[in-house]
Amino acid sequence: MIETLNLEIVDLIKNDKDGRELKKLQEKINNDINHIRVSMAAGMNQADHRMAVLRLRALEASKEVTLDAWRHFRNA
């Protein structure tokens, strides 16, 4: 999941001129985050909960990095 996301970020930064693709990617990340939160709220065993927390943190970090990298690239 994260590897695919990183490839999407690279493509997005290279090709997105007006921010539309960034918005789509941000929505995809938000959907993934919400899905994990719903799963966590539904109840999980301890090991699954730990993995969900790690995935959640990675997605939230990717979301911020994506936005920052896009802004930096466009302003350079």
PDB file of N, CA and C in Angstrom:
ATOM      1  N   MET A   1       0.835  -1.194   0.000  1.00  0.00           N
ATOM      2  CA  MET A   1       0.000   0.000   0.000  1.00  0.00           C
ATOM      3  C   MET A   1       0.877   1.253   0.000  1.00  0.00           C
ATOM      4  N   ILE A   2       1.852   1.331   0.891  1.00  0.00           N
ATOM      5  CA  ILE A   2       2.685   2.527   0.993  1.00  0.00           C
ATOM      6  C   ILE A   2       3.569   2.669  -0.242  1.00  0.00           C
ATOM      7  N   GLU A   3       4.108   1.549  -0.775  1.00  0.00           N
ATOM      8  CA  GLU A   3       4.956   1.626  -1.966  1.00  0.00           C
ATOM      9  C   GLU A   3       4.167   2.185  -3.143  1.00  0.00           C
ATOM     10  N   THR A   4       2.937   1.717  -3.306  1.00  0.00           N
ATOM     11  CA  THR A   4       2.085   2.216  -4.378  1.00  0.00           C
ATOM     12  C   THR A   4       1.820   3.696  -4.187  1.00  0.00           C
ATOM     13  N   LEU A   5       1.576   4.094  -2.974  1.00  0.00           N
ATOM     14  CA  LEU A   5       1.322   5.492  -2.659  1.00  0.00           C
ATOM     15  C   LEU A   5       2.536   6.352  -3.010  1.00  0.00           C
ATOM     16  N   ASN A   6       3.732   5.879  -2.699  1.00  0.00           N
ATOM     17  CA  ASN A   6       4.940   6.643  -3.006  1.00  0.00           C
ATOM     18  C   ASN A   6       5.115   6.826  -4.508  1.00  0.00           C
ATOM     19  N   LEU A   7       4.822   5.799  -5.312  1.00  0.00           N
ATOM     20  CA  LEU A   7       4.893   5.930  -6.767  1.00  0.00           C
ATOM     21  C   LEU A   7       3.865   6.937  -7.270  1.00  0.00           C
ATOM     22  N   GLU A   8       2.687   6.914  -6.675  1.00  0.00           N
ATOM     23  CA  GLU A   8       1.657   7.882  -7.050  1.00  0.00           C
ATOM     24  C   GLU A   8       2.107   9.304  -6.731  1.00  0.00           C
ATOM     25  N   ILE A   9       2.777   9.481  -5.623  1.00  0.00           N
ATOM     26  CA  ILE A   9       3.256  10.810  -5.234  1.00  0.00           C
ATOM     27  C   ILE A   9       4.263  11.329  -6.256  1.00  0.00           C
ATOM     28  N   VAL A  10       5.190  10.491  -6.678  1.00  0.00           N
ATOM     29  CA  VAL A  10       6.196  10.900  -7.664  1.00  0.00           C
ATOM     30  C   VAL A  10       5.524  11.304  -8.966  1.00  0.00           C
ATOM     31  N   ASP A  11       4.597  10.485  -9.453  1.00  0.00           N
ATOM     32  CA  ASP A  11       3.888  10.807 -10.684  1.00  0.00           C
ATOM     33  C   ASP A  11       3.097  12.102 -10.541  1.00  0.00           C
ATOM     34  N   LEU A  12       2.468  12.258  -9.419  1.00  0.00           N
ATOM     35  CA  LEU A  12       1.664  13.446  -9.181  1.00  0.00           C
ATOM     36  C   LEU A  12       2.525  14.705  -9.222  1.00  0.00           C
ATOM     37  N   ILE A  13       3.645  14.672  -8.551  1.00  0.00           N
ATOM     38  CA  ILE A  13       4.510  15.849  -8.481  1.00  0.00           C
ATOM     39  C   ILE A  13       5.033  16.200  -9.868  1.00  0.00           C
ATOM     40  N   LYS A  14       5.336  15.200 -10.683  1.00  0.00           N
ATOM     41  CA  LYS A  14       5.862  15.458 -12.020  1.00  0.00           C
ATOM     42  C   LYS A  14       4.816  16.058 -12.954  1.00  0.00           C
ATOM     43  N   ASN A  15       3.571  15.619 -12.808  1.00  0.00           N
ATOM     44  CA  ASN A  15       2.571  15.920 -13.836  1.00  0.00           C
ATOM     45  C   ASN A  15       1.439  16.847 -13.422  1.00  0.00           C
ATOM     46  N   ASP A  16       1.267  17.111 -12.162  1.00  0.00           N
ATOM     47  CA  ASP A  16       0.105  17.882 -11.709  1.00  0.00           C
ATOM     48  C   ASP A  16       0.413  19.372 -11.735  1.00  0.00           C
ATOM     49  N   LYS A  17      -0.216  20.076 -12.624  1.00  0.00           N
ATOM     50  CA  LYS A  17       0.043  21.516 -12.763  1.00  0.00           C
ATOM     51  C   LYS A  17      -0.927  22.367 -11.945  1.00  0.00           C
ATOM     52  N   ASP A  18      -2.151  21.901 -11.796  1.00  0.00           N
ATOM     53  CA  ASP A  18      -3.160  22.746 -11.167  1.00  0.00           C
ATOM     54  C   ASP A  18      -3.685  22.241  -9.823  1.00  0.00           C
ATOM     55  N   GLY A  19      -3.173  21.116  -9.346  1.00  0.00           N
ATOM     56  CA  GLY A  19      -3.576  20.626  -8.041  1.00  0.00           C
ATOM     57  C   GLY A  19      -4.738  19.649  -8.028  1.00  0.00           C
ATOM     58  N   ARG A  20      -5.327  19.379  -9.189  1.00  0.00           N
ATOM     59  CA  ARG A  20      -6.468  18.456  -9.218  1.00  0.00           C
ATOM     60  C   ARG A  20      -6.081  17.045  -8.812  1.00  0.00           C
ATOM     61  N   GLU A  21      -4.951  16.595  -9.323  1.00  0.00           N
ATOM     62  CA  GLU A  21      -4.506  15.241  -8.987  1.00  0.00           C
ATOM     63  C   GLU A  21      -4.103  15.151  -7.507  1.00  0.00           C
ATOM     64  N   LEU A  22      -3.532  16.219  -7.000  1.00  0.00           N
ATOM     65  CA  LEU A  22      -3.188  16.257  -5.575  1.00  0.00           C
ATOM     66  C   LEU A  22      -4.451  16.080  -4.741  1.00  0.00           C
ATOM     67  N   LYS A  23      -5.501  16.760  -5.115  1.00  0.00           N
ATOM     68  CA  LYS A  23      -6.758  16.658  -4.382  1.00  0.00           C
ATOM     69  C   LYS A  23      -7.293  15.229  -4.423  1.00  0.00           C
ATOM     70  N   LYS A  24      -7.214  14.577  -5.582  1.00  0.00           N
ATOM     71  CA  LYS A  24      -7.670  13.185  -5.692  1.00  0.00           C
ATOM     72  C   LYS A  24      -6.854  12.267  -4.793  1.00  0.00           C
ATOM     73  N   LEU A  25      -5.541  12.466  -4.787  1.00  0.00           N
ATOM     74  CA  LEU A  25      -4.681  11.630  -3.954  1.00  0.00           C
ATOM     75  C   LEU A  25      -4.957  11.875  -2.477  1.00  0.00           C
ATOM     76  N   GLN A  26      -5.148  13.138  -2.112  1.00  0.00           N
ATOM     77  CA  GLN A  26      -5.470  13.452  -0.715  1.00  0.00           C
ATOM     78  C   GLN A  26      -6.791  12.782  -0.312  1.00  0.00           C
ATOM     79  N   GLU A  27      -7.767  12.767  -1.213  1.00  0.00           N
ATOM     80  CA  GLU A  27      -9.048  12.118  -0.920  1.00  0.00           C
ATOM     81  C   GLU A  27      -8.861  10.609  -0.751  1.00  0.00           C
ATOM     82  N   LYS A  28      -8.014  10.012  -1.581  1.00  0.00           N
ATOM     83  CA  LYS A  28      -7.742   8.580  -1.474  1.00  0.00           C
ATOM     84  C   LYS A  28      -7.092   8.268  -0.126  1.00  0.00           C
ATOM     85  N   ILE A  29      -6.123   9.077   0.259  1.00  0.00           N
ATOM     86  CA  ILE A  29      -5.465   8.873   1.553  1.00  0.00           C
ATOM     87  C   ILE A  29      -6.480   9.040   2.685  1.00  0.00           C
ATOM     88  N   ASN A  30      -7.311  10.056   2.604  1.00  0.00           N
ATOM     89  CA  ASN A  30      -8.330  10.277   3.635  1.00  0.00           C
ATOM     90  C   ASN A  30      -9.287   9.090   3.729  1.00  0.00           C
ATOM     91  N   ASN A  31      -9.679   8.535   2.579  1.00  0.00           N
ATOM     92  CA  ASN A  31     -10.563   7.369   2.579  1.00  0.00           C
ATOM     93  C   ASN A  31      -9.889   6.178   3.251  1.00  0.00           C
ATOM     94  N   ASP A  32      -8.603   5.973   2.951  1.00  0.00           N
ATOM     95  CA  ASP A  32      -7.863   4.881   3.584  1.00  0.00           C
ATOM     96  C   ASP A  32      -7.771   5.095   5.096  1.00  0.00           C
ATOM     97  N   ILE A  33      -7.514   6.332   5.508  1.00  0.00           N
ATOM     98  CA  ILE A  33      -7.431   6.657   6.938  1.00  0.00           C
ATOM     99  C   ILE A  33      -8.781   6.388   7.612  1.00  0.00           C
ATOM    100  N   ASN A  34      -9.852   6.836   6.988  1.00  0.00           N
ATOM    101  CA  ASN A  34     -11.185   6.624   7.571  1.00  0.00           C
ATOM    102  C   ASN A  34     -11.525   5.140   7.663  1.00  0.00           C
ATOM    103  N   HIS A  35     -11.150   4.370   6.643  1.00  0.00           N
ATOM    104  CA  HIS A  35     -11.405   2.932   6.658  1.00  0.00           C
ATOM    105  C   HIS A  35     -10.684   2.268   7.842  1.00  0.00           C
ATOM    106  N   ILE A  36      -9.445   2.646   8.057  1.00  0.00           N
ATOM    107  CA  ILE A  36      -8.684   2.083   9.183  1.00  0.00           C
ATOM    108  C   ILE A  36      -9.332   2.480  10.511  1.00  0.00           C
ATOM    109  N   ARG A  37      -9.742   3.724  10.633  1.00  0.00           N
ATOM    110  CA  ARG A  37     -10.365   4.180  11.893  1.00  0.00           C
ATOM    111  C   ARG A  37     -11.669   3.431  12.167  1.00  0.00           C
ATOM    112  N   VAL A  38     -12.459   3.206  11.120  1.00  0.00           N
ATOM    113  CA  VAL A  38     -13.712   2.465  11.290  1.00  0.00           C
ATOM    114  C   VAL A  38     -13.413   1.035  11.728  1.00  0.00           C
ATOM    115  N   SER A  39     -12.421   0.426  11.114  1.00  0.00           N
ATOM    116  CA  SER A  39     -12.033  -0.940  11.486  1.00  0.00           C
ATOM    117  C   SER A  39     -11.573  -1.003  12.937  1.00  0.00           C
ATOM    118  N   MET A  40     -10.818   0.009  13.351  1.00  0.00           N
ATOM    119  CA  MET A  40     -10.330   0.050  14.725  1.00  0.00           C
ATOM    120  C   MET A  40     -11.497   0.212  15.706  1.00  0.00           C
ATOM    121  N   ALA A  41     -12.459   1.036  15.344  1.00  0.00           N
ATOM    122  CA  ALA A  41     -13.604   1.272  16.212  1.00  0.00           C
ATOM    123  C   ALA A  41     -14.483   0.023  16.324  1.00  0.00           C
ATOM    124  N   ALA A  42     -14.479  -0.795  15.271  1.00  0.00           N
ATOM    125  CA  ALA A  42     -15.305  -2.006  15.267  1.00  0.00           C
ATOM    126  C   ALA A  42     -14.724  -3.084  16.186  1.00  0.00           C
ATOM    127  N   GLY A  43     -13.479  -2.924  16.554  1.00  0.00           N
ATOM    128  CA  GLY A  43     -12.833  -3.881  17.454  1.00  0.00           C
ATOM    129  C   GLY A  43     -11.845  -4.766  16.726  1.00  0.00           C
ATOM    130  N   MET A  44     -10.684  -4.908  17.315  1.00  0.00           N
ATOM    131  CA  MET A  44      -9.620  -5.722  16.741  1.00  0.00           C
ATOM    132  C   MET A  44      -8.855  -6.368  17.888  1.00  0.00           C
ATOM    133  N   ASN A  45      -8.125  -7.429  17.556  1.00  0.00           N
ATOM    134  CA  ASN A  45      -7.236  -7.958  18.574  1.00  0.00           C
ATOM    135  C   ASN A  45      -6.035  -7.018  18.703  1.00  0.00           C
ATOM    136  N   GLN A  46      -5.227  -7.226  19.708  1.00  0.00           N
ATOM    137  CA  GLN A  46      -4.145  -6.279  20.019  1.00  0.00           C
ATOM    138  C   GLN A  46      -3.135  -6.162  18.879  1.00  0.00           C
ATOM    139  N   ALA A  47      -2.762  -7.266  18.263  1.00  0.00           N
ATOM    140  CA  ALA A  47      -1.771  -7.233  17.176  1.00  0.00           C
ATOM    141  C   ALA A  47      -2.317  -6.482  15.965  1.00  0.00           C
ATOM    142  N   ASP A  48      -3.569  -6.757  15.597  1.00  0.00           N
ATOM    143  CA  ASP A  48      -4.169  -6.049  14.469  1.00  0.00           C
ATOM    144  C   ASP A  48      -4.299  -4.562  14.762  1.00  0.00           C
ATOM    145  N   HIS A  49      -4.615  -4.231  16.004  1.00  0.00           N
ATOM    146  CA  HIS A  49      -4.747  -2.826  16.397  1.00  0.00           C
ATOM    147  C   HIS A  49      -3.406  -2.107  16.253  1.00  0.00           C
ATOM    148  N   ARG A  50      -2.320  -2.753  16.684  1.00  0.00           N
ATOM    149  CA  ARG A  50      -0.993  -2.137  16.544  1.00  0.00           C
ATOM    150  C   ARG A  50      -0.654  -1.904  15.081  1.00  0.00           C
ATOM    151  N   MET A  51      -0.934  -2.870  14.223  1.00  0.00           N
ATOM    152  CA  MET A  51      -0.656  -2.721  12.787  1.00  0.00           C
ATOM    153  C   MET A  51      -1.512  -1.601  12.190  1.00  0.00           C
ATOM    154  N   ALA A  52      -2.753  -1.503  12.611  1.00  0.00           N
ATOM    155  CA  ALA A  52      -3.634  -0.451  12.118  1.00  0.00           C
ATOM    156  C   ALA A  52      -3.109   0.922  12.514  1.00  0.00           C
ATOM    157  N   VAL A  53      -2.617   1.042  13.738  1.00  0.00           N
ATOM    158  CA  VAL A  53      -2.055   2.318  14.196  1.00  0.00           C
ATOM    159  C   VAL A  53      -0.838   2.691  13.354  1.00  0.00           C
ATOM    160  N   LEU A  54       0.015   1.718  13.068  1.00  0.00           N
ATOM    161  CA  LEU A  54       1.198   1.986  12.241  1.00  0.00           C
ATOM    162  C   LEU A  54       0.803   2.413  10.831  1.00  0.00           C
ATOM    163  N   ARG A  55      -0.164   1.726  10.225  1.00  0.00           N
ATOM    164  CA  ARG A  55      -0.630   2.106   8.884  1.00  0.00           C
ATOM    165  C   ARG A  55      -1.251   3.499   8.903  1.00  0.00           C
ATOM    166  N   LEU A  56      -2.010   3.784   9.939  1.00  0.00           N
ATOM    167  CA  LEU A  56      -2.647   5.086  10.080  1.00  0.00           C
ATOM    168  C   LEU A  56      -1.597   6.198  10.155  1.00  0.00           C
ATOM    169  N   ARG A  57      -0.575   5.990  10.964  1.00  0.00           N
ATOM    170  CA  ARG A  57       0.497   6.990  11.077  1.00  0.00           C
ATOM    171  C   ARG A  57       1.228   7.178   9.747  1.00  0.00           C
ATOM    172  N   ALA A  58       1.485   6.085   9.047  1.00  0.00           N
ATOM    173  CA  ALA A  58       2.181   6.171   7.756  1.00  0.00           C
ATOM    174  C   ALA A  58       1.340   6.934   6.741  1.00  0.00           C
ATOM    175  N   LEU A  59       0.048   6.672   6.708  1.00  0.00           N
ATOM    176  CA  LEU A  59      -0.822   7.385   5.768  1.00  0.00           C
ATOM    177  C   LEU A  59      -0.910   8.869   6.105  1.00  0.00           C
ATOM    178  N   GLU A  60      -1.040   9.183   7.380  1.00  0.00           N
ATOM    179  CA  GLU A  60      -1.113  10.594   7.770  1.00  0.00           C
ATOM    180  C   GLU A  60       0.183  11.319   7.417  1.00  0.00           C
ATOM    181  N   ALA A  61       1.319  10.667   7.615  1.00  0.00           N
ATOM    182  CA  ALA A  61       2.603  11.267   7.254  1.00  0.00           C
ATOM    183  C   ALA A  61       2.710  11.433   5.741  1.00  0.00           C
ATOM    184  N   SER A  62       2.269  10.441   4.980  1.00  0.00           N
ATOM    185  CA  SER A  62       2.308  10.534   3.517  1.00  0.00           C
ATOM    186  C   SER A  62       1.456  11.695   3.021  1.00  0.00           C
ATOM    187  N   LYS A  63       0.337  11.899   3.661  1.00  0.00           N
ATOM    188  CA  LYS A  63      -0.552  12.994   3.279  1.00  0.00           C
ATOM    189  C   LYS A  63       0.151  14.341   3.428  1.00  0.00           C
ATOM    190  N   GLU A  64       0.816  14.538   4.546  1.00  0.00           N
ATOM    191  CA  GLU A  64       1.530  15.799   4.781  1.00  0.00           C
ATOM    192  C   GLU A  64       2.727  15.951   3.846  1.00  0.00           C
ATOM    193  N   VAL A  65       3.496  14.890   3.682  1.00  0.00           N
ATOM    194  CA  VAL A  65       4.674  14.940   2.814  1.00  0.00           C
ATOM    195  C   VAL A  65       4.262  15.224   1.374  1.00  0.00           C
ATOM    196  N   THR A  66       3.181  14.607   0.936  1.00  0.00           N
ATOM    197  CA  THR A  66       2.694  14.821  -0.425  1.00  0.00           C
ATOM    198  C   THR A  66       2.385  16.285  -0.670  1.00  0.00           C
ATOM    199  N   LEU A  67       1.656  16.876   0.229  1.00  0.00           N
ATOM    200  CA  LEU A  67       1.275  18.278   0.088  1.00  0.00           C
ATOM    201  C   LEU A  67       2.496  19.187   0.117  1.00  0.00           C
ATOM    202  N   ASP A  68       3.401  18.951   1.057  1.00  0.00           N
ATOM    203  CA  ASP A  68       4.606  19.777   1.162  1.00  0.00           C
ATOM    204  C   ASP A  68       5.492  19.645  -0.074  1.00  0.00           C
ATOM    205  N   ALA A  69       5.675  18.414  -0.551  1.00  0.00           N
ATOM    206  CA  ALA A  69       6.515  18.187  -1.733  1.00  0.00           C
ATOM    207  C   ALA A  69       5.902  18.833  -2.959  1.00  0.00           C
ATOM    208  N   TRP A  70       4.603  18.729  -3.111  1.00  0.00           N
ATOM    209  CA  TRP A  70       3.932  19.330  -4.264  1.00  0.00           C
ATOM    210  C   TRP A  70       4.106  20.850  -4.243  1.00  0.00           C
ATOM    211  N   ARG A  71       3.903  21.445  -3.084  1.00  0.00           N
ATOM    212  CA  ARG A  71       4.059  22.907  -2.961  1.00  0.00           C
ATOM    213  C   ARG A  71       5.492  23.336  -3.274  1.00  0.00           C
ATOM    214  N   HIS A  72       6.457  22.601  -2.730  1.00  0.00           N
ATOM    215  CA  HIS A  72       7.866  22.930  -2.956  1.00  0.00           C
ATOM    216  C   HIS A  72       8.208  22.835  -4.447  1.00  0.00           C
ATOM    217  N   PHE A  73       7.773  21.757  -5.086  1.00  0.00           N
ATOM    218  CA  PHE A  73       8.076  21.540  -6.500  1.00  0.00           C
ATOM    219  C   PHE A  73       7.445  22.635  -7.358  1.00  0.00           C
ATOM    220  N   ARG A  74       6.223  22.992  -7.059  1.00  0.00           N
ATOM    221  CA  ARG A  74       5.515  24.007  -7.859  1.00  0.00           C
ATOM    222  C   ARG A  74       6.085  25.404  -7.637  1.00  0.00           C
ATOM    223  N   ASN A  75       6.625  25.666  -6.462  1.00  0.00           N
ATOM    224  CA  ASN A  75       7.157  26.997  -6.161  1.00  0.00           C
ATOM    225  C   ASN A  75       8.626  27.160  -6.534  1.00  0.00           C
ATOM    226  N   ALA A  76       9.268  26.070  -6.944  1.00  0.00           N
ATOM    227  CA  ALA A  76      10.702  26.125  -7.285  1.00  0.00           C
ATOM    228  C   ALA A  76      10.930  26.812  -8.612  1.00  0.00           C
TER     229      ALA A  76
END
